[in-house]
Amino acid sequence: MVARFSEYAALPLRFVLGALFIALGARMVLGDSASTATAWTWWAGLVELIGGLALVLGVLTRWVALALALESLIFVAARASGVPVDVEFRLAALAGLQVDNCEVAVDAPEIPGFDGSSWPIVQALEQAGIASQSPPRPRLIVQRPIWVEDQSGWVKALPGQPGESWGGLSVHYQLDYGPQGPIGRETLTLAISPENFRQHLAAARTFILKAEAQWLQDQGLGRRTSPRDLLVFDDQGPIDNQLRFPDECVRHKVLDLIGDLALAGCDLVGHIVAYRSGHRLNARLVERLLAQWSRASACLRLV
């Protein structure tokens, strides 16, 4: 039998906690200023809003209520400490250009989303200038296959093939929205170098389906966002916007993957193959890679 939170909390307490969840969720979704909330904050805020309403109605289990409270604490702590909570394609710009020594100063809990791509950051970095430094760069060399998966996708890291001329990181990504959808199925294979990142990935923008965007706006969310701010797809393709690449969506997924892999804090040497993977799966892969690295110190090379 599932225990409801209402069995453990009096009505006034439920209303107070529910109102707090709803208020926090609204702030996460709508943002603190004219800038829109970024993807992670947006969806987490939506969960808070729905959870707060369920709490007020007394239909929330105590375990879900606890999970919501923990999520709230994490978000509030991040804001209080000034830690940005959404950094994926900003990190991708640094990793893609092989910049490993850069100090980033922010004056808000959210880093600007720009146009949903890494291109503005790439332009700023190149305008400032990138200098070569003498300290060696640590490398994590994939020694054996590592695979992580969930119900909707998977991602694996493979050692590079002997004799390959490319001695760094390469990616093969399969995006699958089904044969009938506006996005469909897209595949991209790319060796990750500064030139390839600049030319093939940096300008690829984030995307969403019209049905998803409409549902959010019907809930009063994302009112500051228009199809000109990111790629919104209906049955005919992007709305009020032009694709920068015929396969821009899969390019952005590879962009996200590069940013997530940058959390390893070193250069990766190997081949990454992914099918419909997102931030959670990518982060789990990084955890597995770092665990392998710590167990086998021989995979650390300095160049």
Protein backbone atom coordinates (compact mmCIF):
# COMPACT_ATOMS: atom_id res chain seq x y z
CA MET A 1 0.00 0.00 0.00
CA VAL A 2 1.38 3.42 -0.99
CA ALA A 3 1.49 5.90 1.87
CA ARG A 4 0.37 9.41 0.99
CA PHE A 5 2.16 12.44 2.37
CA SER A 6 -1.25 13.70 3.54
CA GLU A 7 -1.28 10.87 6.10
CA TYR A 8 1.77 12.39 7.79
CA ALA A 9 1.25 16.14 7.38
CA ALA A 10 -1.56 18.37 8.59
CA LEU A 11 -3.47 20.41 6.01
CA PRO A 12 -1.81 23.77 6.87
CA LEU A 13 1.65 22.22 6.53
CA ARG A 14 0.73 20.70 3.17
CA PHE A 15 -0.48 24.06 1.91
CA VAL A 16 2.68 25.84 3.10
CA LEU A 17 5.05 23.28 1.59
CA GLY A 18 3.01 23.07 -1.59
CA ALA A 19 3.07 26.84 -1.97
CA LEU A 20 6.84 26.86 -1.47
CA PHE A 21 7.32 24.18 -4.15
CA ILE A 22 5.03 26.08 -6.55
CA ALA A 23 6.82 29.39 -5.93
CA LEU A 24 10.25 27.84 -6.40
CA GLY A 25 9.09 26.02 -9.51
CA ALA A 26 7.71 29.23 -11.02
CA ARG A 27 10.98 31.02 -10.35
CA MET A 28 12.98 28.19 -11.90
CA VAL A 29 10.79 28.09 -15.01
CA LEU A 30 10.33 31.81 -15.58
CA GLY A 31 13.80 32.89 -14.47
CA ASP A 32 14.84 35.87 -12.39
CA SER A 33 15.02 38.37 -15.24
CA ALA A 34 14.13 38.84 -18.86
CA SER A 35 16.35 35.92 -19.79
CA THR A 36 14.63 32.56 -20.15
CA ALA A 37 15.32 29.63 -17.91
CA THR A 38 17.73 27.10 -19.35
CA ALA A 39 16.70 23.53 -20.14
CA TRP A 40 17.64 21.83 -16.86
CA THR A 41 16.08 24.58 -14.74
CA TRP A 42 12.97 24.68 -16.90
CA TRP A 43 12.15 21.00 -16.55
CA ALA A 44 13.15 20.84 -12.87
CA GLY A 45 10.91 23.84 -12.23
CA LEU A 46 8.03 22.13 -14.00
CA VAL A 47 8.45 19.12 -11.72
CA GLU A 48 8.36 21.45 -8.70
CA LEU A 49 5.17 23.13 -9.95
CA ILE A 50 3.33 19.86 -10.54
CA GLY A 51 4.64 18.39 -7.29
CA GLY A 52 3.53 21.44 -5.32
CA LEU A 53 0.01 21.17 -6.71
CA ALA A 54 -0.12 17.44 -5.97
CA LEU A 55 1.09 18.13 -2.44
CA VAL A 56 -1.67 20.67 -1.83
CA LEU A 57 -4.25 18.18 -3.12
CA GLY A 58 -2.86 15.48 -0.86
CA VAL A 59 -2.08 12.97 -3.62
CA LEU A 60 1.71 12.97 -3.27
CA THR A 61 3.49 10.00 -1.70
CA ARG A 62 5.92 10.77 1.09
CA TRP A 63 8.88 9.51 -0.98
CA VAL A 64 8.07 11.80 -3.90
CA ALA A 65 7.62 14.67 -1.47
CA LEU A 66 11.07 13.92 -0.04
CA ALA A 67 12.58 13.84 -3.54
CA LEU A 68 11.03 17.22 -4.33
CA ALA A 69 12.41 18.65 -1.09
CA LEU A 70 15.90 17.38 -1.93
CA GLU A 71 15.72 18.85 -5.44
CA SER A 72 14.65 22.16 -3.94
CA LEU A 73 17.54 22.13 -1.48
CA ILE A 74 20.03 21.39 -4.27
CA PHE A 75 18.73 24.23 -6.42
CA VAL A 76 18.58 26.73 -3.55
CA ALA A 77 22.07 25.73 -2.39
CA ALA A 78 23.41 26.20 -5.91
CA ARG A 79 21.89 29.66 -6.08
CA ALA A 80 23.11 30.60 -2.61
CA SER A 81 26.64 29.48 -3.40
CA GLY A 82 26.66 31.08 -6.84
CA VAL A 83 27.21 27.74 -8.60
CA PRO A 84 25.75 27.76 -12.12
CA VAL A 85 23.28 24.91 -12.63
CA ASP A 86 23.33 24.57 -16.43
CA VAL A 87 26.61 24.62 -18.34
CA GLU A 88 26.55 21.96 -21.07
CA PHE A 89 27.13 23.83 -24.35
CA ARG A 90 29.31 26.43 -22.61
CA LEU A 91 31.67 23.64 -21.54
CA ALA A 92 31.40 22.20 -25.04
CA ALA A 93 32.86 25.40 -26.51
CA LEU A 94 35.91 25.16 -24.25
CA ALA A 95 36.37 21.42 -24.78
CA GLY A 96 35.78 21.65 -28.52
CA LEU A 97 38.47 24.31 -28.91
CA GLN A 98 40.74 22.34 -26.52
CA VAL A 99 40.88 25.17 -24.00
CA ASP A 100 41.72 23.61 -20.63
CA ASN A 101 42.79 26.65 -18.61
CA CYS A 102 40.09 29.28 -18.49
CA GLU A 103 38.56 31.26 -15.65
CA VAL A 104 34.84 31.95 -16.10
CA ALA A 105 33.19 34.61 -13.94
CA VAL A 106 29.41 34.76 -13.65
CA ASP A 107 27.24 37.12 -11.61
CA ALA A 108 24.05 35.04 -11.61
CA PRO A 109 23.05 31.41 -11.01
CA GLU A 110 22.39 30.92 -14.73
CA ILE A 111 24.89 31.32 -17.55
CA PRO A 112 23.32 33.09 -20.57
CA GLY A 113 21.75 30.71 -23.09
CA PHE A 114 22.49 32.95 -26.10
CA ASP A 115 20.97 31.27 -29.17
CA GLY A 116 21.10 27.76 -27.74
CA SER A 117 24.43 26.98 -29.39
CA SER A 118 28.13 27.32 -28.58
CA TRP A 119 28.83 29.69 -31.46
CA PRO A 120 28.70 33.01 -29.51
CA ILE A 121 31.13 31.55 -26.95
CA VAL A 122 33.46 30.26 -29.66
CA GLN A 123 33.50 33.71 -31.25
CA ALA A 124 34.27 35.37 -27.90
CA LEU A 125 37.07 32.93 -27.12
CA GLU A 126 38.69 33.39 -30.51
CA GLN A 127 38.35 37.16 -30.30
CA ALA A 128 40.09 37.12 -26.92
CA GLY A 129 42.79 34.80 -28.27
CA ILE A 130 43.84 31.28 -27.28
CA ALA A 131 47.40 30.81 -26.05
CA SER A 132 49.48 27.63 -25.91
CA GLN A 133 50.98 26.81 -22.52
CA SER A 134 53.79 24.50 -21.50
CA PRO A 135 52.15 22.37 -18.75
CA PRO A 136 51.15 18.91 -20.04
CA ARG A 137 47.50 18.03 -20.66
CA PRO A 138 46.22 14.90 -18.89
CA ARG A 139 44.59 12.31 -21.13
CA LEU A 140 42.19 9.53 -20.27
CA ILE A 141 42.67 6.68 -22.75
CA VAL A 142 39.73 4.30 -23.04
CA GLN A 143 41.20 0.86 -22.33
CA ARG A 144 38.12 -1.34 -22.68
CA PRO A 145 34.47 -0.97 -23.75
CA ILE A 146 32.20 0.76 -21.21
CA TRP A 147 28.43 0.78 -21.74
CA VAL A 148 25.59 2.55 -19.90
CA GLU A 149 21.92 2.51 -20.84
CA ASP A 150 18.38 3.29 -19.76
CA GLN A 151 14.92 2.61 -21.19
CA SER A 152 15.25 5.06 -24.07
CA GLY A 153 18.90 5.00 -25.13
CA TRP A 154 22.49 4.05 -24.51
CA VAL A 155 26.05 5.33 -24.84
CA LYS A 156 29.34 3.46 -24.86
CA ALA A 157 33.03 4.28 -24.92
CA LEU A 158 35.35 2.14 -27.01
CA PRO A 159 39.12 2.08 -27.38
CA GLY A 160 40.47 3.62 -30.55
CA GLN A 161 41.26 1.17 -33.33
CA PRO A 162 44.98 0.27 -33.78
CA GLY A 163 46.50 2.08 -36.71
CA GLU A 164 43.98 4.94 -36.72
CA SER A 165 45.54 8.19 -37.85
CA TRP A 166 43.30 10.11 -35.44
CA GLY A 167 44.69 9.92 -31.92
CA GLY A 168 41.97 11.76 -30.01
CA LEU A 169 38.22 11.54 -29.52
CA SER A 170 35.68 10.53 -32.16
CA VAL A 171 31.90 10.32 -31.82
CA HIS A 172 29.13 8.42 -33.59
CA TYR A 173 25.64 9.57 -32.57
CA GLN A 174 22.26 8.21 -33.66
CA LEU A 175 19.25 10.47 -33.07
CA ASP A 176 15.88 8.72 -33.47
CA TYR A 177 12.54 10.53 -33.28
CA GLY A 178 10.83 7.91 -35.43
CA PRO A 179 10.34 7.82 -39.21
CA GLN A 180 7.15 9.90 -39.18
CA GLY A 181 8.26 12.81 -37.00
CA PRO A 182 9.49 16.22 -38.16
CA ILE A 183 13.00 15.47 -36.90
CA GLY A 184 13.13 11.82 -37.87
CA ARG A 185 16.38 9.90 -37.70
CA GLU A 186 19.78 11.54 -38.02
CA THR A 187 23.29 10.16 -37.67
CA LEU A 188 26.63 11.90 -37.34
CA THR A 189 30.17 10.55 -37.11
CA LEU A 190 32.93 13.04 -36.39
CA ALA A 191 36.51 13.24 -35.15
CA ILE A 192 36.53 15.97 -32.51
CA SER A 193 39.15 18.62 -33.25
CA PRO A 194 39.00 22.41 -32.86
CA GLU A 195 38.48 22.84 -36.61
CA ASN A 196 35.75 20.21 -36.83
CA PHE A 197 34.05 21.56 -33.73
CA ARG A 198 34.09 25.09 -35.09
CA GLN A 199 32.87 24.07 -38.54
CA HIS A 200 30.39 21.26 -37.80
CA LEU A 201 29.10 21.58 -34.22
CA ALA A 202 29.46 25.01 -32.60
CA ALA A 203 26.50 26.66 -34.36
CA ALA A 204 24.02 23.78 -33.81
CA ARG A 205 21.13 24.95 -31.61
CA THR A 206 18.93 23.23 -29.06
CA PHE A 207 15.50 22.06 -30.23
CA ILE A 208 12.03 21.08 -29.04
CA LEU A 209 8.83 19.75 -30.61
CA LYS A 210 5.87 22.10 -31.06
CA ALA A 211 3.62 19.83 -28.99
CA GLU A 212 6.09 20.03 -26.10
CA ALA A 213 6.44 23.81 -26.41
CA GLN A 214 2.65 24.28 -26.69
CA TRP A 215 2.00 22.17 -23.62
CA LEU A 216 4.47 24.22 -21.61
CA GLN A 217 2.95 27.51 -22.74
CA ASP A 218 -0.54 26.20 -21.96
CA GLN A 219 0.71 25.84 -18.40
CA GLY A 220 1.85 29.46 -18.46
CA LEU A 221 5.51 28.52 -18.84
CA GLY A 222 8.20 29.80 -21.19
CA ARG A 223 6.25 32.90 -22.18
CA ARG A 224 9.44 34.83 -22.93
CA THR A 225 10.62 32.19 -25.39
CA SER A 226 9.67 32.25 -29.08
CA PRO A 227 10.56 29.92 -31.99
CA ARG A 228 13.20 32.47 -32.96
CA ASP A 229 15.09 31.80 -29.73
CA LEU A 230 15.57 28.08 -30.43
CA LEU A 231 14.42 25.43 -32.90
CA VAL A 232 10.74 24.55 -32.43
CA PHE A 233 9.55 21.80 -34.80
CA ASP A 234 6.04 21.22 -36.12
CA ASP A 235 5.04 18.61 -38.72
CA GLN A 236 6.54 20.72 -41.50
CA GLY A 237 9.87 21.49 -39.81
CA PRO A 238 11.22 24.43 -37.78
CA ILE A 239 8.74 27.25 -37.09
CA ASP A 240 9.76 30.82 -37.99
CA ASN A 241 13.35 29.73 -38.21
CA GLN A 242 15.89 28.29 -40.63
CA LEU A 243 18.08 25.26 -40.06
CA ARG A 244 21.79 26.03 -40.06
CA PHE A 245 22.50 22.43 -41.07
CA PRO A 246 20.17 19.83 -42.61
CA ASP A 247 20.94 17.62 -39.59
CA GLU A 248 21.24 20.37 -36.98
CA CYS A 249 19.47 18.35 -34.27
CA VAL A 250 21.97 15.49 -34.19
CA ARG A 251 24.81 17.98 -34.33
CA HIS A 252 23.45 19.67 -31.21
CA LYS A 253 23.21 16.29 -29.46
CA VAL A 254 26.90 15.71 -30.25
CA LEU A 255 27.59 19.24 -28.97
CA ASP A 256 25.85 18.36 -25.70
CA LEU A 257 27.80 15.11 -25.50
CA ILE A 258 31.14 16.96 -25.87
CA GLY A 259 30.12 19.32 -23.06
CA ASP A 260 29.11 16.43 -20.80
CA LEU A 261 32.34 14.54 -21.48
CA ALA A 262 34.28 17.67 -20.51
CA LEU A 263 33.19 16.99 -16.92
CA ALA A 264 35.94 14.36 -16.88
CA GLY A 265 38.43 17.20 -16.61
CA CYS A 266 40.87 15.77 -19.16
CA ASP A 267 41.22 14.89 -22.83
CA LEU A 268 39.47 11.64 -23.77
CA VAL A 269 41.10 9.31 -26.26
CA GLY A 270 38.70 6.78 -27.74
CA HIS A 271 35.49 6.38 -29.71
CA ILE A 272 32.06 7.24 -28.26
CA VAL A 273 28.96 5.62 -29.77
CA ALA A 274 25.56 6.89 -28.61
CA TYR A 275 21.92 6.15 -29.35
CA ARG A 276 19.42 8.72 -28.06
CA SER A 277 21.59 9.49 -25.05
CA GLY A 278 21.12 12.64 -22.99
CA HIS A 279 22.81 14.43 -20.12
CA ARG A 280 22.06 11.78 -17.49
CA LEU A 281 23.46 8.90 -19.52
CA ASN A 282 26.45 10.94 -20.64
CA ALA A 283 27.23 11.85 -17.02
CA ARG A 284 26.99 8.19 -16.00
CA LEU A 285 29.47 7.30 -18.74
CA VAL A 286 31.90 9.92 -17.41
CA GLU A 287 31.59 8.42 -13.93
CA ARG A 288 32.43 4.97 -15.29
CA LEU A 289 35.37 6.30 -17.29
CA LEU A 290 36.81 8.10 -14.27
CA ALA A 291 36.40 4.95 -12.18
CA GLN A 292 38.38 3.02 -14.80
CA TRP A 293 41.01 5.77 -14.80
CA SER A 294 41.45 5.62 -11.03
CA ARG A 295 41.79 1.82 -11.12
CA ALA A 296 44.32 1.79 -13.92
CA SER A 297 46.76 4.65 -13.50
CA ALA A 298 48.60 3.45 -16.60
CA CYS A 299 45.90 5.02 -18.75
CA LEU A 300 47.08 8.49 -17.73
CA ARG A 301 49.45 9.94 -20.31
CA LEU A 302 50.96 13.39 -20.34
CA VAL A 303 51.55 15.14 -23.65
